[in-house]
PDB file of N, CA and C in Angstrom:
ATOM      1  N   MET A   1      53.188 -11.069  31.861  1.00  0.00           N
ATOM      2  CA  MET A   1      53.156 -11.703  33.153  1.00  0.00           C
ATOM      3  C   MET A   1      52.926 -13.197  32.969  1.00  0.00           C
ATOM      4  N   GLN A   2      53.645 -13.977  33.734  1.00  0.00           N
ATOM      5  CA  GLN A   2      53.440 -15.421  33.721  1.00  0.00           C
ATOM      6  C   GLN A   2      53.043 -15.853  35.129  1.00  0.00           C
ATOM      7  N   VAL A   3      51.908 -16.540  35.224  1.00  0.00           N
ATOM      8  CA  VAL A   3      51.389 -16.989  36.515  1.00  0.00           C
ATOM      9  C   VAL A   3      51.882 -18.404  36.781  1.00  0.00           C
ATOM     10  N   SER A   4      52.294 -18.647  38.008  1.00  0.00           N
ATOM     11  CA  SER A   4      52.792 -19.971  38.380  1.00  0.00           C
ATOM     12  C   SER A   4      51.698 -21.020  38.205  1.00  0.00           C
ATOM     13  N   PRO A   5      52.082 -22.265  37.929  1.00  0.00           N
ATOM     14  CA  PRO A   5      51.078 -23.317  37.731  1.00  0.00           C
ATOM     15  C   PRO A   5      50.353 -23.697  39.018  1.00  0.00           C
ATOM     16  N   PHE A   6      50.888 -23.292  40.164  1.00  0.00           N
ATOM     17  CA  PHE A   6      50.241 -23.564  41.447  1.00  0.00           C
ATOM     18  C   PHE A   6      49.815 -22.267  42.104  1.00  0.00           C
ATOM     19  N   CYS A   7      48.795 -22.353  42.919  1.00  0.00           N
ATOM     20  CA  CYS A   7      48.245 -21.198  43.624  1.00  0.00           C
ATOM     21  C   CYS A   7      48.208 -21.509  45.118  1.00  0.00           C
ATOM     22  N   LEU A   8      48.515 -20.526  45.930  1.00  0.00           N
ATOM     23  CA  LEU A   8      48.353 -20.671  47.375  1.00  0.00           C
ATOM     24  C   LEU A   8      46.976 -20.136  47.744  1.00  0.00           C
ATOM     25  N   GLY A   9      46.105 -21.011  48.215  1.00  0.00           N
ATOM     26  CA  GLY A   9      44.785 -20.595  48.681  1.00  0.00           C
ATOM     27  C   GLY A   9      44.893 -20.069  50.098  1.00  0.00           C
ATOM     28  N   ALA A  10      44.451 -18.848  50.321  1.00  0.00           N
ATOM     29  CA  ALA A  10      44.624 -18.203  51.623  1.00  0.00           C
ATOM     30  C   ALA A  10      43.365 -18.237  52.486  1.00  0.00           C
ATOM     31  N   MET A  11      42.396 -19.048  52.118  1.00  0.00           N
ATOM     32  CA  MET A  11      41.142 -19.085  52.867  1.00  0.00           C
ATOM     33  C   MET A  11      41.350 -19.480  54.325  1.00  0.00           C
ATOM     34  N   MET A  12      42.296 -20.353  54.592  1.00  0.00           N
ATOM     35  CA  MET A  12      42.457 -20.865  55.949  1.00  0.00           C
ATOM     36  C   MET A  12      43.400 -20.035  56.812  1.00  0.00           C
ATOM     37  N   PHE A  13      43.725 -18.833  56.376  1.00  0.00           N
ATOM     38  CA  PHE A  13      44.495 -17.912  57.208  1.00  0.00           C
ATOM     39  C   PHE A  13      43.515 -16.982  57.896  1.00  0.00           C
ATOM     40  N   GLY A  14      43.709 -16.738  59.176  1.00  0.00           N
ATOM     41  CA  GLY A  14      42.830 -15.813  59.883  1.00  0.00           C
ATOM     42  C   GLY A  14      41.739 -16.528  60.650  1.00  0.00           C
ATOM     43  N   ARG A  15      40.592 -15.892  60.764  1.00  0.00           N
ATOM     44  CA  ARG A  15      39.546 -16.387  61.660  1.00  0.00           C
ATOM     45  C   ARG A  15      38.957 -17.733  61.267  1.00  0.00           C
ATOM     46  N   PHE A  16      39.076 -18.158  60.022  1.00  0.00           N
ATOM     47  CA  PHE A  16      38.510 -19.444  59.607  1.00  0.00           C
ATOM     48  C   PHE A  16      39.488 -20.598  59.752  1.00  0.00           C
ATOM     49  N   GLY A  17      40.704 -20.330  60.148  1.00  0.00           N
ATOM     50  CA  GLY A  17      41.700 -21.396  60.227  1.00  0.00           C
ATOM     51  C   GLY A  17      42.848 -21.005  61.127  1.00  0.00           C
ATOM     52  N   ASN A  18      44.007 -20.824  60.533  1.00  0.00           N
ATOM     53  CA  ASN A  18      45.215 -20.493  61.279  1.00  0.00           C
ATOM     54  C   ASN A  18      45.166 -19.038  61.726  1.00  0.00           C
ATOM     55  N   ARG A  19      45.028 -18.810  63.018  1.00  0.00           N
ATOM     56  CA  ARG A  19      44.938 -17.442  63.552  1.00  0.00           C
ATOM     57  C   ARG A  19      46.297 -16.844  63.892  1.00  0.00           C
ATOM     58  N   ASP A  20      47.347 -17.618  63.724  1.00  0.00           N
ATOM     59  CA  ASP A  20      48.699 -17.158  64.047  1.00  0.00           C
ATOM     60  C   ASP A  20      49.243 -16.335  62.869  1.00  0.00           C
ATOM     61  N   HIS A  21      49.266 -15.021  63.036  1.00  0.00           N
ATOM     62  CA  HIS A  21      49.695 -14.108  61.973  1.00  0.00           C
ATOM     63  C   HIS A  21      51.101 -14.434  61.476  1.00  0.00           C
ATOM     64  N   ASP A  22      52.044 -14.611  62.399  1.00  0.00           N
ATOM     65  CA  ASP A  22      53.426 -14.875  61.997  1.00  0.00           C
ATOM     66  C   ASP A  22      53.555 -16.189  61.232  1.00  0.00           C
ATOM     67  N   ASP A  23      52.810 -17.204  61.641  1.00  0.00           N
ATOM     68  CA  ASP A  23      52.838 -18.482  60.934  1.00  0.00           C
ATOM     69  C   ASP A  23      52.271 -18.326  59.529  1.00  0.00           C
ATOM     70  N   SER A  24      51.207 -17.574  59.398  1.00  0.00           N
ATOM     71  CA  SER A  24      50.615 -17.334  58.077  1.00  0.00           C
ATOM     72  C   SER A  24      51.609 -16.626  57.160  1.00  0.00           C
ATOM     73  N   VAL A  25      52.307 -15.645  57.697  1.00  0.00           N
ATOM     74  CA  VAL A  25      53.312 -14.923  56.910  1.00  0.00           C
ATOM     75  C   VAL A  25      54.422 -15.875  56.483  1.00  0.00           C
ATOM     76  N   ARG A  26      54.867 -16.754  57.377  1.00  0.00           N
ATOM     77  CA  ARG A  26      55.910 -17.737  57.025  1.00  0.00           C
ATOM     78  C   ARG A  26      55.438 -18.647  55.892  1.00  0.00           C
ATOM     79  N   ILE A  27      54.195 -19.087  55.944  1.00  0.00           N
ATOM     80  CA  ILE A  27      53.651 -19.962  54.896  1.00  0.00           C
ATOM     81  C   ILE A  27      53.644 -19.232  53.554  1.00  0.00           C
ATOM     82  N   ILE A  28      53.213 -17.997  53.565  1.00  0.00           N
ATOM     83  CA  ILE A  28      53.161 -17.205  52.336  1.00  0.00           C
ATOM     84  C   ILE A  28      54.574 -17.001  51.780  1.00  0.00           C
ATOM     85  N   HIS A  29      55.517 -16.675  52.637  1.00  0.00           N
ATOM     86  CA  HIS A  29      56.891 -16.472  52.173  1.00  0.00           C
ATOM     87  C   HIS A  29      57.477 -17.761  51.616  1.00  0.00           C
ATOM     88  N   ARG A  30      57.163 -18.879  52.236  1.00  0.00           N
ATOM     89  CA  ARG A  30      57.676 -20.157  51.723  1.00  0.00           C
ATOM     90  C   ARG A  30      57.111 -20.435  50.330  1.00  0.00           C
ATOM     91  N   ALA A  31      55.828 -20.139  50.137  1.00  0.00           N
ATOM     92  CA  ALA A  31      55.218 -20.328  48.813  1.00  0.00           C
ATOM     93  C   ALA A  31      55.886 -19.415  47.785  1.00  0.00           C
ATOM     94  N   LEU A  32      56.116 -18.163  48.144  1.00  0.00           N
ATOM     95  CA  LEU A  32      56.772 -17.224  47.227  1.00  0.00           C
ATOM     96  C   LEU A  32      58.187 -17.695  46.905  1.00  0.00           C
ATOM     97  N   ASP A  33      58.906 -18.159  47.911  1.00  0.00           N
ATOM     98  CA  ASP A  33      60.266 -18.656  47.693  1.00  0.00           C
ATOM     99  C   ASP A  33      60.276 -19.892  46.793  1.00  0.00           C
ATOM    100  N   ALA A  34      59.181 -20.656  46.816  1.00  0.00           N
ATOM    101  CA  ALA A  34      59.080 -21.861  45.986  1.00  0.00           C
ATOM    102  C   ALA A  34      58.642 -21.544  44.558  1.00  0.00           C
ATOM    103  N   GLY A  35      58.410 -20.265  44.268  1.00  0.00           N
ATOM    104  CA  GLY A  35      58.056 -19.874  42.909  1.00  0.00           C
ATOM    105  C   GLY A  35      56.579 -19.624  42.674  1.00  0.00           C
ATOM    106  N   ILE A  36      55.774 -19.758  43.706  1.00  0.00           N
ATOM    107  CA  ILE A  36      54.341 -19.465  43.553  1.00  0.00           C
ATOM    108  C   ILE A  36      54.173 -17.950  43.545  1.00  0.00           C
ATOM    109  N   ASN A  37      53.492 -17.442  42.523  1.00  0.00           N
ATOM    110  CA  ASN A  37      53.258 -15.997  42.442  1.00  0.00           C
ATOM    111  C   ASN A  37      51.773 -15.679  42.314  1.00  0.00           C
ATOM    112  N   PHE A  38      50.931 -16.646  42.622  1.00  0.00           N
ATOM    113  CA  PHE A  38      49.479 -16.454  42.572  1.00  0.00           C
ATOM    114  C   PHE A  38      48.923 -16.870  43.929  1.00  0.00           C
ATOM    115  N   ILE A  39      48.365 -15.906  44.658  1.00  0.00           N
ATOM    116  CA  ILE A  39      47.791 -16.161  45.974  1.00  0.00           C
ATOM    117  C   ILE A  39      46.322 -15.781  45.924  1.00  0.00           C
ATOM    118  N   ASP A  40      45.473 -16.757  46.180  1.00  0.00           N
ATOM    119  CA  ASP A  40      44.024 -16.530  46.157  1.00  0.00           C
ATOM    120  C   ASP A  40      43.616 -15.850  47.451  1.00  0.00           C
ATOM    121  N   THR A  41      43.241 -14.579  47.354  1.00  0.00           N
ATOM    122  CA  THR A  41      42.835 -13.788  48.521  1.00  0.00           C
ATOM    123  C   THR A  41      41.435 -13.228  48.311  1.00  0.00           C
ATOM    124  N   ALA A  42      40.502 -14.088  47.987  1.00  0.00           N
ATOM    125  CA  ALA A  42      39.131 -13.650  47.701  1.00  0.00           C
ATOM    126  C   ALA A  42      38.576 -12.796  48.838  1.00  0.00           C
ATOM    127  N   ASP A  43      37.775 -11.819  48.479  1.00  0.00           N
ATOM    128  CA  ASP A  43      37.198 -10.906  49.466  1.00  0.00           C
ATOM    129  C   ASP A  43      36.326 -11.602  50.509  1.00  0.00           C
ATOM    130  N   VAL A  44      35.823 -12.783  50.207  1.00  0.00           N
ATOM    131  CA  VAL A  44      34.951 -13.477  51.161  1.00  0.00           C
ATOM    132  C   VAL A  44      35.737 -14.141  52.282  1.00  0.00           C
ATOM    133  N   TYR A  45      37.076 -14.177  52.161  1.00  0.00           N
ATOM    134  CA  TYR A  45      37.904 -14.759  53.206  1.00  0.00           C
ATOM    135  C   TYR A  45      38.037 -13.765  54.359  1.00  0.00           C
ATOM    136  N   SER A  46      38.710 -14.199  55.399  1.00  0.00           N
ATOM    137  CA  SER A  46      38.920 -13.339  56.570  1.00  0.00           C
ATOM    138  C   SER A  46      39.755 -12.120  56.186  1.00  0.00           C
ATOM    139  N   PRO A  47      39.875 -11.147  57.100  1.00  0.00           N
ATOM    140  CA  PRO A  47      40.682  -9.957  56.785  1.00  0.00           C
ATOM    141  C   PRO A  47      42.054 -10.347  56.247  1.00  0.00           C
ATOM    142  N   VAL A  48      42.538  -9.588  55.309  1.00  0.00           N
ATOM    143  CA  VAL A  48      43.719  -9.977  54.546  1.00  0.00           C
ATOM    144  C   VAL A  48      45.006  -9.336  55.056  1.00  0.00           C
ATOM    145  N   ARG A  49      45.019  -8.887  56.268  1.00  0.00           N
ATOM    146  CA  ARG A  49      46.191  -8.195  56.811  1.00  0.00           C
ATOM    147  C   ARG A  49      47.475  -9.004  56.633  1.00  0.00           C
ATOM    148  N   ALA A  50      47.485 -10.266  57.047  1.00  0.00           N
ATOM    149  CA  ALA A  50      48.702 -11.091  56.954  1.00  0.00           C
ATOM    150  C   ALA A  50      49.098 -11.302  55.506  1.00  0.00           C
ATOM    151  N   ARG A  51      48.130 -11.592  54.669  1.00  0.00           N
ATOM    152  CA  ARG A  51      48.447 -11.887  53.271  1.00  0.00           C
ATOM    153  C   ARG A  51      48.997 -10.661  52.570  1.00  0.00           C
ATOM    154  N   ARG A  52      48.335  -9.545  52.678  1.00  0.00           N
ATOM    155  CA  ARG A  52      48.784  -8.352  51.951  1.00  0.00           C
ATOM    156  C   ARG A  52      50.090  -7.818  52.508  1.00  0.00           C
ATOM    157  N   SER A  53      50.248  -7.804  53.831  1.00  0.00           N
ATOM    158  CA  SER A  53      51.499  -7.294  54.378  1.00  0.00           C
ATOM    159  C   SER A  53      52.656  -8.208  54.022  1.00  0.00           C
ATOM    160  N   SER A  54      52.414  -9.512  53.943  1.00  0.00           N
ATOM    161  CA  SER A  54      53.466 -10.455  53.588  1.00  0.00           C
ATOM    162  C   SER A  54      53.929 -10.246  52.152  1.00  0.00           C
ATOM    163  N   VAL A  55      52.990 -10.103  51.253  1.00  0.00           N
ATOM    164  CA  VAL A  55      53.349  -9.909  49.844  1.00  0.00           C
ATOM    165  C   VAL A  55      54.039  -8.563  49.673  1.00  0.00           C
ATOM    166  N   ARG A  56      53.560  -7.547  50.341  1.00  0.00           N
ATOM    167  CA  ARG A  56      54.133  -6.214  50.212  1.00  0.00           C
ATOM    168  C   ARG A  56      55.596  -6.204  50.681  1.00  0.00           C
ATOM    169  N   HIS A  57      55.917  -6.994  51.698  1.00  0.00           N
ATOM    170  CA  HIS A  57      57.270  -6.997  52.250  1.00  0.00           C
ATOM    171  C   HIS A  57      58.112  -8.173  51.768  1.00  0.00           C
ATOM    172  N   SER A  58      57.625  -8.882  50.796  1.00  0.00           N
ATOM    173  CA  SER A  58      58.345 -10.058  50.311  1.00  0.00           C
ATOM    174  C   SER A  58      59.470  -9.669  49.376  1.00  0.00           C
ATOM    175  N   PRO A  59      60.580 -10.390  49.451  1.00  0.00           N
ATOM    176  CA  PRO A  59      61.670 -10.127  48.507  1.00  0.00           C
ATOM    177  C   PRO A  59      61.373 -10.696  47.111  1.00  0.00           C
ATOM    178  N   ALA A  60      60.356 -11.532  47.006  1.00  0.00           N
ATOM    179  CA  ALA A  60      60.029 -12.129  45.713  1.00  0.00           C
ATOM    180  C   ALA A  60      59.448 -11.077  44.775  1.00  0.00           C
ATOM    181  N   ASP A  61      59.790 -11.183  43.518  1.00  0.00           N
ATOM    182  CA  ASP A  61      59.255 -10.256  42.516  1.00  0.00           C
ATOM    183  C   ASP A  61      58.079 -10.897  41.823  1.00  0.00           C
ATOM    184  N   GLY A  62      57.126 -10.095  41.434  1.00  0.00           N
ATOM    185  CA  GLY A  62      56.054 -10.576  40.585  1.00  0.00           C
ATOM    186  C   GLY A  62      54.935 -11.299  41.287  1.00  0.00           C
ATOM    187  N   ALA A  63      54.775 -11.145  42.575  1.00  0.00           N
ATOM    188  CA  ALA A  63      53.666 -11.800  43.266  1.00  0.00           C
ATOM    189  C   ALA A  63      52.357 -11.149  42.851  1.00  0.00           C
ATOM    190  N   THR A  64      51.343 -11.950  42.632  1.00  0.00           N
ATOM    191  CA  THR A  64      50.048 -11.458  42.211  1.00  0.00           C
ATOM    192  C   THR A  64      48.993 -11.913  43.195  1.00  0.00           C
ATOM    193  N   THR A  65      48.212 -10.974  43.703  1.00  0.00           N
ATOM    194  CA  THR A  65      47.129 -11.350  44.600  1.00  0.00           C
ATOM    195  C   THR A  65      45.811 -11.050  43.934  1.00  0.00           C
TER     196      THR A  65
END
């Protein structure tokens, strides 16, 4: 496995930041399309519904959460 040199931090998705689920999914998909395959989804962040569902339904291969 090779991890991308950049990481998408997901702390600001959900109750602590962007509450718009669809917008959060778009941001995640854009990062995946840009080659980012490392998404920081620490358990201390808000519920991970948008992040996990986005990665699960993404056409990108090799995403790592």
